[in-house]
Amino acid sequence: MVFGPSGQAAEAAAAAATAAEAAGSATAGAASGGGPTLASLQQQREQQQQQQQQDPSIQEPREGPRSYGLGMGMPVLGASSSSSSAAAAAAAGSGDGAAEAAAAAAAGCDGEVGEALSSLLQGMNHKFAALSSSILGRLDDMGLKLDALEQQLAAALKEQQQQLQQEEEGNLQL
């Protein structure tokens, strides 16, 4: 599928929701003695992809500013998604707590499901680290540019003050 920036956010939220849903069903299955199978997890993912294809608000970019309400703890996906509340709860909570809960759920799973969850978590952690590093690097670059602009402005202001002072001295001598 080809998504715009809002579609990528929705796809990322759907992946997080799938992980949260899989972690929830995996822990429930582990508690009851039988875990979810890889086939059932794949079926859940296919159903979620079908829901995304049927919901035009996910695929079509909206006009105007995009406000997802992420800073306010609001879910990215609509209430029609059964796993959006789990994703919103994970996003609203502390990042470390959500990561710890997902890691514990992955550790509680056996075989392919646990490995799949672990690899998903590792991939998400690597992407988050790369994104954080990129953002911090850009902020550092912006800080350096602002420092350079501040120095240039201070030098220009000082030069202008000196010129005004020289003009005043010249006017006084006349």
Protein backbone atom coordinates (compact mmCIF):
# COMPACT_ATOMS: atom_id res chain seq x y z
CA MET A 1 0.00 0.00 0.00
CA VAL A 2 1.09 3.56 -0.62
CA PHE A 3 0.45 5.91 2.25
CA GLY A 4 1.04 9.60 2.80
CA PRO A 5 2.42 10.94 6.08
CA SER A 6 -0.90 10.40 7.86
CA GLY A 7 -1.13 6.89 6.43
CA GLN A 8 2.32 6.06 7.76
CA ALA A 9 1.24 7.20 11.21
CA ALA A 10 -1.89 5.07 10.96
CA GLU A 11 0.14 2.10 9.75
CA ALA A 12 2.59 2.51 12.65
CA ALA A 13 -0.30 2.76 15.10
CA ALA A 14 -1.86 -0.34 13.60
CA ALA A 15 1.42 -2.22 14.00
CA ALA A 16 1.60 -1.12 17.64
CA ALA A 17 -2.02 -2.13 18.15
CA THR A 18 -1.32 -5.52 16.60
CA ALA A 19 1.63 -5.99 18.93
CA ALA A 20 -0.45 -4.94 21.93
CA GLU A 21 -3.30 -7.22 20.86
CA ALA A 22 -0.93 -10.12 20.27
CA ALA A 23 0.74 -9.50 23.62
CA GLY A 24 -2.64 -9.44 25.36
CA SER A 25 -3.83 -12.64 23.72
CA ALA A 26 -0.45 -14.26 24.28
CA THR A 27 -0.52 -13.55 28.01
CA ALA A 28 -4.13 -14.72 28.25
CA GLY A 29 -3.22 -17.89 26.38
CA ALA A 30 -0.16 -18.47 28.51
CA ALA A 31 -2.27 -18.10 31.66
CA SER A 32 -4.78 -20.66 30.41
CA GLY A 33 -2.07 -23.11 29.37
CA GLY A 34 -2.43 -22.82 25.60
CA GLY A 35 -0.86 -19.94 23.69
CA PRO A 36 -1.98 -18.38 20.45
CA THR A 37 -0.65 -19.96 17.33
CA LEU A 38 1.27 -18.16 14.64
CA ALA A 39 -1.63 -18.82 12.27
CA SER A 40 -4.11 -17.09 14.60
CA LEU A 41 -1.81 -14.07 14.91
CA GLN A 42 -1.45 -13.89 11.14
CA GLN A 43 -5.23 -14.12 10.77
CA GLN A 44 -5.66 -11.24 13.22
CA ARG A 45 -3.18 -9.16 11.22
CA GLU A 46 -5.00 -9.92 7.95
CA GLN A 47 -8.31 -8.87 9.50
CA GLN A 48 -6.73 -5.64 10.67
CA GLN A 49 -5.33 -4.94 7.20
CA GLN A 50 -8.79 -5.53 5.70
CA GLN A 51 -10.28 -3.04 8.17
CA GLN A 52 -7.64 -0.50 7.17
CA GLN A 53 -8.45 -0.99 3.49
CA GLN A 54 -12.17 -0.53 4.13
CA ASP A 55 -11.74 2.63 6.23
CA PRO A 56 -11.14 5.55 3.79
CA SER A 57 -10.06 7.92 6.58
CA ILE A 58 -6.89 5.86 7.08
CA GLN A 59 -5.81 5.88 3.44
CA GLU A 60 -6.93 9.29 2.20
CA PRO A 61 -4.97 12.27 3.54
CA ARG A 62 -7.09 14.99 5.07
CA GLU A 63 -6.99 18.60 3.99
CA GLY A 64 -5.73 21.19 6.46
CA PRO A 65 -3.55 20.78 9.54
CA ARG A 66 -3.15 17.32 10.97
CA SER A 67 -3.87 17.03 14.65
CA TYR A 68 -3.83 13.51 15.99
CA GLY A 69 -4.11 14.41 19.65
CA LEU A 70 -1.04 12.37 20.55
CA GLY A 71 0.09 14.86 23.17
CA MET A 72 -3.29 14.63 24.87
CA GLY A 73 -3.38 10.85 25.23
CA MET A 74 -6.01 10.47 22.53
CA PRO A 75 -5.91 7.43 20.21
CA VAL A 76 -4.64 7.81 16.66
CA LEU A 77 -7.12 5.28 15.26
CA GLY A 78 -10.86 5.68 15.55
CA ALA A 79 -12.93 3.88 18.13
CA SER A 80 -13.98 1.36 15.47
CA SER A 81 -10.69 -0.48 15.91
CA SER A 82 -10.94 -2.91 18.79
CA SER A 83 -7.24 -2.65 19.51
CA SER A 84 -6.99 1.14 19.33
CA SER A 85 -7.75 1.47 23.02
CA ALA A 86 -4.86 -0.86 23.84
CA ALA A 87 -2.54 1.13 21.59
CA ALA A 88 -3.76 4.40 23.11
CA ALA A 89 -3.23 3.05 26.60
CA ALA A 90 0.28 1.97 25.67
CA ALA A 91 0.99 5.36 24.08
CA ALA A 92 -0.49 7.30 26.99
CA GLY A 93 1.50 5.39 29.59
CA SER A 94 5.19 5.79 30.13
CA GLY A 95 7.27 4.44 27.28
CA ASP A 96 9.35 2.31 29.61
CA GLY A 97 6.31 0.74 31.26
CA ALA A 98 4.74 -0.16 27.92
CA ALA A 99 8.03 -1.59 26.67
CA GLU A 100 8.45 -3.60 29.86
CA ALA A 101 4.91 -4.97 29.62
CA ALA A 102 5.40 -5.94 25.99
CA ALA A 103 8.77 -7.55 26.78
CA ALA A 104 7.19 -9.50 29.64
CA ALA A 105 4.40 -10.66 27.33
CA ALA A 106 6.96 -11.71 24.72
CA ALA A 107 8.96 -13.58 27.35
CA GLY A 108 5.81 -15.41 28.46
CA CYS A 109 5.21 -16.77 24.96
CA ASP A 110 6.72 -19.96 23.69
CA GLY A 111 8.29 -20.73 20.35
CA GLU A 112 7.58 -18.77 17.22
CA VAL A 113 5.16 -16.33 18.83
CA GLY A 114 7.67 -15.25 21.46
CA GLU A 115 10.39 -14.91 18.86
CA ALA A 116 8.10 -12.90 16.58
CA LEU A 117 7.13 -10.56 19.41
CA SER A 118 10.75 -10.18 20.50
CA SER A 119 11.90 -9.35 16.98
CA LEU A 120 9.02 -6.88 16.59
CA LEU A 121 9.98 -5.18 19.86
CA GLN A 122 13.65 -5.04 18.86
CA GLY A 123 12.74 -3.54 15.51
CA MET A 124 10.53 -0.93 17.14
CA ASN A 125 13.25 -0.08 19.67
CA HIS A 126 15.83 0.33 16.90
CA LYS A 127 13.50 2.57 14.89
CA PHE A 128 12.75 4.66 17.97
CA ALA A 129 16.45 5.00 18.79
CA ALA A 130 17.26 6.03 15.22
CA LEU A 131 14.43 8.56 15.16
CA SER A 132 15.42 9.98 18.55
CA SER A 133 19.03 10.27 17.45
CA SER A 134 18.01 12.02 14.25
CA ILE A 135 15.81 14.49 16.11
CA LEU A 136 18.52 15.24 18.68
CA GLY A 137 21.08 15.74 15.90
CA ARG A 138 18.81 18.20 14.14
CA LEU A 139 18.17 20.06 17.38
CA ASP A 140 21.92 20.33 17.96
CA ASP A 141 22.40 21.68 14.43
CA MET A 142 19.64 24.22 14.97
CA GLY A 143 21.21 25.27 18.27
CA LEU A 144 24.56 25.85 16.58
CA LYS A 145 22.91 27.90 13.84
CA LEU A 146 21.05 29.97 16.43
CA ASP A 147 24.30 30.60 18.32
CA ALA A 148 25.99 31.76 15.11
CA LEU A 149 23.05 34.06 14.29
CA GLU A 150 23.11 35.47 17.81
CA GLN A 151 26.82 36.29 17.47
CA GLN A 152 26.23 37.94 14.09
CA LEU A 153 23.36 39.98 15.48
CA ALA A 154 25.41 41.06 18.50
CA ALA A 155 28.29 42.12 16.22
CA ALA A 156 25.94 44.06 13.91
CA LEU A 157 24.29 45.77 16.88
CA LYS A 158 27.65 46.71 18.37
CA GLU A 159 28.80 48.13 15.02
CA GLN A 160 25.60 50.15 14.68
CA GLN A 161 25.98 51.56 18.19
CA GLN A 162 29.57 52.58 17.42
CA GLN A 163 28.44 54.35 14.25
CA LEU A 164 25.71 56.22 16.13
CA GLN A 165 28.19 57.22 18.80
CA GLN A 166 30.65 58.50 16.18
CA GLU A 167 27.88 60.49 14.48
CA GLU A 168 26.88 62.07 17.81
CA GLU A 169 30.49 63.02 18.51
CA GLY A 170 30.76 64.51 15.02
CA ASN A 171 27.57 66.52 15.53
CA LEU A 172 28.80 67.82 18.89
CA GLN A 173 32.05 69.06 17.35
CA LEU A 174 30.15 71.10 14.76
